[in-house]
N, C-alpha and C. Protein backbone atom coordinates (compact mmCIF):
# COMPACT_ATOMS: atom_id res chain seq x y z
N MET A 1 -21.48 -19.20 -7.40
CA MET A 1 -20.90 -17.89 -7.29
C MET A 1 -19.62 -17.87 -8.10
N ARG A 2 -19.44 -16.84 -8.85
CA ARG A 2 -18.22 -16.71 -9.66
C ARG A 2 -17.03 -16.37 -8.79
N ARG A 3 -15.88 -16.82 -9.24
CA ARG A 3 -14.64 -16.60 -8.49
C ARG A 3 -14.38 -15.11 -8.28
N ARG A 4 -14.58 -14.30 -9.31
CA ARG A 4 -14.33 -12.87 -9.20
C ARG A 4 -15.26 -12.23 -8.16
N ALA A 5 -16.53 -12.61 -8.16
CA ALA A 5 -17.49 -12.07 -7.19
C ALA A 5 -17.09 -12.48 -5.78
N PHE A 6 -16.68 -13.75 -5.64
CA PHE A 6 -16.28 -14.21 -4.32
C PHE A 6 -15.04 -13.47 -3.82
N LEU A 7 -14.04 -13.35 -4.67
CA LEU A 7 -12.81 -12.68 -4.25
C LEU A 7 -13.07 -11.24 -3.86
N GLY A 8 -13.94 -10.56 -4.59
CA GLY A 8 -14.30 -9.20 -4.22
C GLY A 8 -14.98 -9.16 -2.87
N ALA A 9 -15.88 -10.11 -2.64
CA ALA A 9 -16.59 -10.18 -1.36
C ALA A 9 -15.65 -10.53 -0.22
N ALA A 10 -14.74 -11.46 -0.48
CA ALA A 10 -13.80 -11.85 0.56
C ALA A 10 -12.91 -10.68 0.95
N ALA A 11 -12.51 -9.90 -0.03
CA ALA A 11 -11.70 -8.72 0.27
C ALA A 11 -12.50 -7.71 1.09
N ALA A 12 -13.76 -7.55 0.76
CA ALA A 12 -14.60 -6.62 1.51
C ALA A 12 -14.83 -7.14 2.93
N ALA A 13 -15.08 -8.45 3.06
CA ALA A 13 -15.31 -9.02 4.38
C ALA A 13 -14.05 -8.98 5.22
N ALA A 14 -12.94 -9.05 4.56
CA ALA A 14 -11.66 -9.05 5.28
C ALA A 14 -11.35 -7.69 5.87
N GLY A 15 -11.87 -6.63 5.25
CA GLY A 15 -11.62 -5.30 5.78
C GLY A 15 -10.15 -4.97 5.76
N THR A 16 -9.57 -4.90 6.90
CA THR A 16 -8.17 -4.53 7.03
C THR A 16 -7.27 -5.75 7.18
N ALA A 17 -7.67 -6.85 6.55
CA ALA A 17 -6.93 -8.11 6.71
C ALA A 17 -5.48 -8.00 6.28
N ALA A 18 -5.20 -7.18 5.30
CA ALA A 18 -3.83 -7.05 4.83
C ALA A 18 -2.91 -6.54 5.91
N ALA A 19 -3.46 -5.79 6.84
CA ALA A 19 -2.65 -5.23 7.91
C ALA A 19 -2.42 -6.23 9.04
N HIS A 20 -3.20 -7.31 9.03
CA HIS A 20 -3.10 -8.29 10.11
C HIS A 20 -2.55 -9.60 9.60
N SER A 21 -1.80 -10.25 10.42
CA SER A 21 -1.33 -11.59 10.08
C SER A 21 -2.47 -12.57 10.31
N VAL A 22 -2.71 -13.39 9.30
CA VAL A 22 -3.77 -14.38 9.42
C VAL A 22 -3.14 -15.70 9.83
N ARG A 23 -3.61 -16.24 10.94
CA ARG A 23 -3.09 -17.52 11.39
C ARG A 23 -4.25 -18.41 11.82
N ALA A 24 -4.03 -19.68 11.89
CA ALA A 24 -5.08 -20.62 12.29
C ALA A 24 -5.54 -20.29 13.70
N ALA A 25 -6.82 -20.47 13.93
CA ALA A 25 -7.38 -20.12 15.23
C ALA A 25 -6.90 -21.11 16.29
N THR A 26 -6.44 -20.55 17.37
CA THR A 26 -6.11 -21.34 18.54
C THR A 26 -6.79 -20.64 19.69
N SER A 27 -6.67 -21.17 20.86
CA SER A 27 -7.34 -20.57 21.99
C SER A 27 -6.90 -19.13 22.17
N GLY A 28 -7.86 -18.23 22.04
CA GLY A 28 -7.60 -16.83 22.31
C GLY A 28 -7.05 -16.03 21.14
N GLY A 29 -7.10 -16.49 19.93
CA GLY A 29 -6.58 -15.66 18.85
C GLY A 29 -6.88 -16.24 17.49
N GLY A 30 -6.42 -15.56 16.46
CA GLY A 30 -6.56 -16.07 15.11
C GLY A 30 -7.86 -15.69 14.44
N THR A 31 -8.04 -16.26 13.28
CA THR A 31 -9.20 -15.99 12.44
C THR A 31 -9.83 -17.29 12.00
N LEU A 32 -11.14 -17.38 12.09
CA LEU A 32 -11.89 -18.51 11.57
C LEU A 32 -12.66 -18.05 10.34
N TRP A 33 -12.78 -18.91 9.36
CA TRP A 33 -13.61 -18.64 8.17
C TRP A 33 -14.74 -19.65 8.17
N VAL A 34 -15.97 -19.15 8.08
CA VAL A 34 -17.13 -20.03 7.93
C VAL A 34 -17.73 -19.77 6.56
N TYR A 35 -18.30 -20.82 5.98
CA TYR A 35 -18.85 -20.67 4.64
C TYR A 35 -20.04 -21.60 4.47
N ASP A 36 -20.91 -21.26 3.56
CA ASP A 36 -22.07 -22.07 3.23
C ASP A 36 -21.67 -23.05 2.13
N PRO A 37 -21.57 -24.34 2.45
CA PRO A 37 -21.09 -25.30 1.46
C PRO A 37 -22.06 -25.52 0.30
N THR A 38 -23.34 -25.18 0.48
CA THR A 38 -24.29 -25.33 -0.63
C THR A 38 -24.14 -24.22 -1.65
N ALA A 39 -23.63 -23.08 -1.24
CA ALA A 39 -23.48 -21.94 -2.14
C ALA A 39 -22.04 -21.78 -2.62
N LEU A 40 -21.10 -22.19 -1.81
CA LEU A 40 -19.69 -22.02 -2.14
C LEU A 40 -19.07 -23.41 -2.28
N LYS A 41 -19.01 -23.89 -3.50
CA LYS A 41 -18.54 -25.25 -3.76
C LYS A 41 -17.02 -25.38 -3.67
N ARG A 42 -16.31 -24.29 -3.96
CA ARG A 42 -14.85 -24.36 -4.01
C ARG A 42 -14.24 -23.63 -2.82
N THR A 43 -13.77 -24.37 -1.84
CA THR A 43 -13.16 -23.74 -0.67
C THR A 43 -11.73 -23.31 -0.93
N ASP A 44 -11.17 -23.69 -2.10
CA ASP A 44 -9.81 -23.25 -2.40
C ASP A 44 -9.76 -21.75 -2.64
N MET A 45 -10.94 -21.11 -2.76
CA MET A 45 -10.97 -19.66 -2.92
C MET A 45 -10.83 -18.94 -1.58
N LEU A 46 -10.97 -19.68 -0.49
CA LEU A 46 -10.78 -19.09 0.84
C LEU A 46 -9.28 -18.95 1.10
N PRO A 47 -8.90 -18.02 1.96
CA PRO A 47 -7.48 -17.84 2.25
C PRO A 47 -6.84 -19.09 2.83
N GLU A 48 -5.57 -19.27 2.54
CA GLU A 48 -4.83 -20.40 3.08
C GLU A 48 -4.34 -20.05 4.49
N GLY A 49 -4.11 -21.05 5.30
CA GLY A 49 -3.56 -20.84 6.62
C GLY A 49 -4.58 -20.45 7.67
N VAL A 50 -5.86 -20.59 7.36
CA VAL A 50 -6.91 -20.30 8.34
C VAL A 50 -7.80 -21.53 8.46
N GLU A 51 -8.45 -21.64 9.59
CA GLU A 51 -9.38 -22.74 9.78
C GLU A 51 -10.67 -22.43 9.03
N ARG A 52 -11.12 -23.37 8.21
CA ARG A 52 -12.34 -23.21 7.40
C ARG A 52 -13.40 -24.16 7.93
N ILE A 53 -14.57 -23.62 8.21
CA ILE A 53 -15.63 -24.42 8.79
C ILE A 53 -16.90 -24.26 7.96
N ALA A 54 -17.45 -25.39 7.52
CA ALA A 54 -18.69 -25.37 6.75
C ALA A 54 -19.87 -25.16 7.69
N VAL A 55 -20.80 -24.31 7.29
CA VAL A 55 -22.01 -24.06 8.07
C VAL A 55 -23.04 -25.10 7.65
N GLN A 56 -23.20 -26.11 8.49
CA GLN A 56 -24.19 -27.15 8.22
C GLN A 56 -24.60 -27.77 9.54
N GLY A 57 -25.73 -28.42 9.53
CA GLY A 57 -26.22 -29.03 10.76
C GLY A 57 -26.81 -27.99 11.70
N ASP A 58 -26.71 -28.26 12.98
CA ASP A 58 -27.28 -27.40 14.02
C ASP A 58 -26.46 -26.11 14.14
N ARG A 59 -27.06 -25.01 13.77
CA ARG A 59 -26.35 -23.73 13.77
C ARG A 59 -25.99 -23.25 15.18
N VAL A 60 -26.83 -23.55 16.15
CA VAL A 60 -26.56 -23.12 17.52
C VAL A 60 -25.33 -23.86 18.06
N ARG A 61 -25.26 -25.15 17.82
CA ARG A 61 -24.07 -25.91 18.25
C ARG A 61 -22.82 -25.43 17.53
N LEU A 62 -22.98 -25.10 16.25
CA LEU A 62 -21.85 -24.56 15.50
C LEU A 62 -21.37 -23.25 16.12
N ALA A 63 -22.29 -22.37 16.44
CA ALA A 63 -21.93 -21.09 17.05
C ALA A 63 -21.19 -21.31 18.37
N ARG A 64 -21.68 -22.22 19.18
CA ARG A 64 -21.01 -22.53 20.46
C ARG A 64 -19.60 -23.04 20.23
N ARG A 65 -19.46 -23.94 19.25
CA ARG A 65 -18.14 -24.51 18.95
C ARG A 65 -17.17 -23.45 18.46
N LEU A 66 -17.65 -22.56 17.58
CA LEU A 66 -16.80 -21.49 17.06
C LEU A 66 -16.35 -20.56 18.18
N LEU A 67 -17.31 -20.14 18.98
CA LEU A 67 -17.01 -19.14 20.01
C LEU A 67 -16.23 -19.73 21.18
N ALA A 68 -16.30 -21.03 21.37
CA ALA A 68 -15.52 -21.68 22.42
C ALA A 68 -14.03 -21.57 22.14
N GLN A 69 -13.67 -21.43 20.86
CA GLN A 69 -12.26 -21.28 20.49
C GLN A 69 -11.74 -19.87 20.76
N ALA A 70 -12.63 -18.94 21.03
CA ALA A 70 -12.29 -17.54 21.32
C ALA A 70 -11.38 -16.92 20.25
N PRO A 71 -11.77 -17.02 18.98
CA PRO A 71 -10.94 -16.40 17.94
C PRO A 71 -10.99 -14.88 18.03
N GLN A 72 -9.99 -14.23 17.54
CA GLN A 72 -9.99 -12.77 17.48
C GLN A 72 -11.03 -12.29 16.47
N GLU A 73 -11.19 -13.08 15.41
CA GLU A 73 -12.08 -12.67 14.33
C GLU A 73 -12.73 -13.89 13.69
N ILE A 74 -13.98 -13.73 13.30
CA ILE A 74 -14.68 -14.75 12.52
C ILE A 74 -15.14 -14.06 11.24
N ARG A 75 -14.80 -14.66 10.10
CA ARG A 75 -15.22 -14.13 8.80
C ARG A 75 -16.08 -15.17 8.13
N GLY A 76 -17.00 -14.72 7.31
CA GLY A 76 -17.87 -15.69 6.67
C GLY A 76 -18.40 -15.28 5.33
N VAL A 77 -18.77 -16.28 4.57
CA VAL A 77 -19.55 -16.13 3.34
C VAL A 77 -20.70 -17.11 3.54
N THR A 78 -21.84 -16.58 4.01
CA THR A 78 -22.98 -17.41 4.38
C THR A 78 -24.28 -16.76 3.93
N ARG A 79 -25.35 -17.45 4.17
CA ARG A 79 -26.67 -16.87 3.95
C ARG A 79 -26.96 -15.89 5.07
N TYR A 80 -27.88 -14.96 4.80
CA TYR A 80 -28.18 -13.91 5.76
C TYR A 80 -28.65 -14.47 7.10
N ALA A 81 -29.47 -15.50 7.08
CA ALA A 81 -29.98 -16.08 8.32
C ALA A 81 -28.84 -16.62 9.19
N ASP A 82 -27.85 -17.25 8.57
CA ASP A 82 -26.71 -17.76 9.33
C ASP A 82 -25.87 -16.61 9.90
N PHE A 83 -25.72 -15.55 9.11
CA PHE A 83 -25.01 -14.37 9.61
C PHE A 83 -25.70 -13.82 10.86
N LEU A 84 -27.04 -13.70 10.81
CA LEU A 84 -27.78 -13.17 11.96
C LEU A 84 -27.56 -14.02 13.20
N LEU A 85 -27.66 -15.33 13.05
CA LEU A 85 -27.50 -16.21 14.21
C LEU A 85 -26.07 -16.16 14.75
N LEU A 86 -25.09 -16.29 13.87
CA LEU A 86 -23.69 -16.32 14.31
C LEU A 86 -23.25 -14.97 14.88
N SER A 87 -23.61 -13.88 14.22
CA SER A 87 -23.20 -12.56 14.73
C SER A 87 -23.93 -12.22 16.03
N GLY A 88 -25.18 -12.67 16.15
CA GLY A 88 -25.92 -12.43 17.39
C GLY A 88 -25.31 -13.17 18.57
N ALA A 89 -24.95 -14.43 18.36
CA ALA A 89 -24.30 -15.21 19.42
C ALA A 89 -22.95 -14.59 19.77
N ALA A 90 -22.22 -14.14 18.75
CA ALA A 90 -20.91 -13.52 18.99
C ALA A 90 -21.06 -12.20 19.75
N ALA A 91 -22.10 -11.45 19.45
CA ALA A 91 -22.31 -10.16 20.13
C ALA A 91 -22.50 -10.35 21.63
N GLU A 92 -23.12 -11.45 22.02
CA GLU A 92 -23.32 -11.73 23.44
C GLU A 92 -21.99 -11.93 24.16
N LEU A 93 -20.94 -12.25 23.42
CA LEU A 93 -19.62 -12.47 24.02
C LEU A 93 -18.65 -11.33 23.73
N GLY A 94 -19.17 -10.20 23.27
CA GLY A 94 -18.33 -9.03 23.09
C GLY A 94 -17.77 -8.82 21.70
N TYR A 95 -18.24 -9.55 20.72
CA TYR A 95 -17.81 -9.34 19.34
C TYR A 95 -18.69 -8.28 18.70
N ARG A 96 -18.16 -7.58 17.72
CA ARG A 96 -18.92 -6.57 16.98
C ARG A 96 -18.74 -6.82 15.49
N VAL A 97 -19.79 -6.52 14.72
CA VAL A 97 -19.72 -6.67 13.27
C VAL A 97 -18.74 -5.63 12.73
N ALA A 98 -17.72 -6.11 12.04
CA ALA A 98 -16.68 -5.23 11.47
C ALA A 98 -16.99 -4.88 10.03
N SER A 99 -17.61 -5.81 9.29
CA SER A 99 -17.98 -5.54 7.91
C SER A 99 -19.10 -6.48 7.49
N ARG A 100 -19.83 -6.02 6.49
CA ARG A 100 -20.95 -6.81 5.96
C ARG A 100 -21.18 -6.36 4.53
N THR A 101 -21.12 -7.30 3.58
CA THR A 101 -21.26 -6.98 2.16
C THR A 101 -22.22 -7.96 1.51
N ALA A 102 -23.25 -7.46 0.84
CA ALA A 102 -24.19 -8.32 0.12
C ALA A 102 -23.51 -8.89 -1.11
N LEU A 103 -23.76 -10.17 -1.36
CA LEU A 103 -23.19 -10.86 -2.52
C LEU A 103 -24.32 -11.32 -3.43
N ASP A 104 -24.03 -12.28 -4.25
CA ASP A 104 -25.04 -12.85 -5.14
C ASP A 104 -26.20 -13.45 -4.35
N GLY A 105 -27.40 -13.15 -4.77
CA GLY A 105 -28.58 -13.75 -4.15
C GLY A 105 -28.69 -13.43 -2.68
N ASN A 106 -28.79 -14.47 -1.87
CA ASN A 106 -29.00 -14.32 -0.43
C ASN A 106 -27.70 -14.44 0.36
N LEU A 107 -26.54 -14.42 -0.32
CA LEU A 107 -25.26 -14.57 0.37
C LEU A 107 -24.74 -13.24 0.88
N LEU A 108 -23.96 -13.35 1.94
CA LEU A 108 -23.39 -12.18 2.58
C LEU A 108 -21.93 -12.49 2.93
N GLY A 109 -21.04 -11.55 2.66
CA GLY A 109 -19.66 -11.64 3.13
C GLY A 109 -19.59 -10.77 4.39
N TRP A 110 -19.03 -11.28 5.47
CA TRP A 110 -19.06 -10.55 6.72
C TRP A 110 -17.86 -10.89 7.61
N ALA A 111 -17.68 -10.06 8.62
CA ALA A 111 -16.64 -10.29 9.62
C ALA A 111 -17.10 -9.75 10.96
N VAL A 112 -16.82 -10.48 12.03
CA VAL A 112 -17.02 -9.99 13.39
C VAL A 112 -15.70 -10.08 14.11
N ARG A 113 -15.43 -9.08 14.95
CA ARG A 113 -14.17 -9.02 15.70
C ARG A 113 -14.44 -8.89 17.19
N ARG A 114 -13.58 -9.54 17.95
CA ARG A 114 -13.67 -9.43 19.40
C ARG A 114 -13.17 -8.04 19.81
N GLN A 115 -13.90 -7.42 20.70
CA GLN A 115 -13.49 -6.11 21.20
C GLN A 115 -12.44 -6.32 22.29
N ARG A 116 -11.47 -5.48 22.30
CA ARG A 116 -10.35 -5.63 23.26
C ARG A 116 -10.69 -5.11 24.60
């Protein structure tokens, strides 16, 4: 994926990120970034100061681990199948899809936010 395409997608997935302070996820707040390491080789294109998690291995365990941290928001650049699984698991805990943008090939830039 080209840097320009990624940056455009990240901005779209971020939605109103400029209005919010981005901080590392801790219990009950913050933002997590998940990404597909096979499609996104350079993680330096992701925002600084946030927790970055590669989507690999057992996706269900990953979803449990992410949601156990209770972040305010989870943003991702992943394949569509991973988006479906992660957003579905998040929806069961009260999160809603805030944005979704198609990228190159089968990649998707997306964000889910916890409802207050």
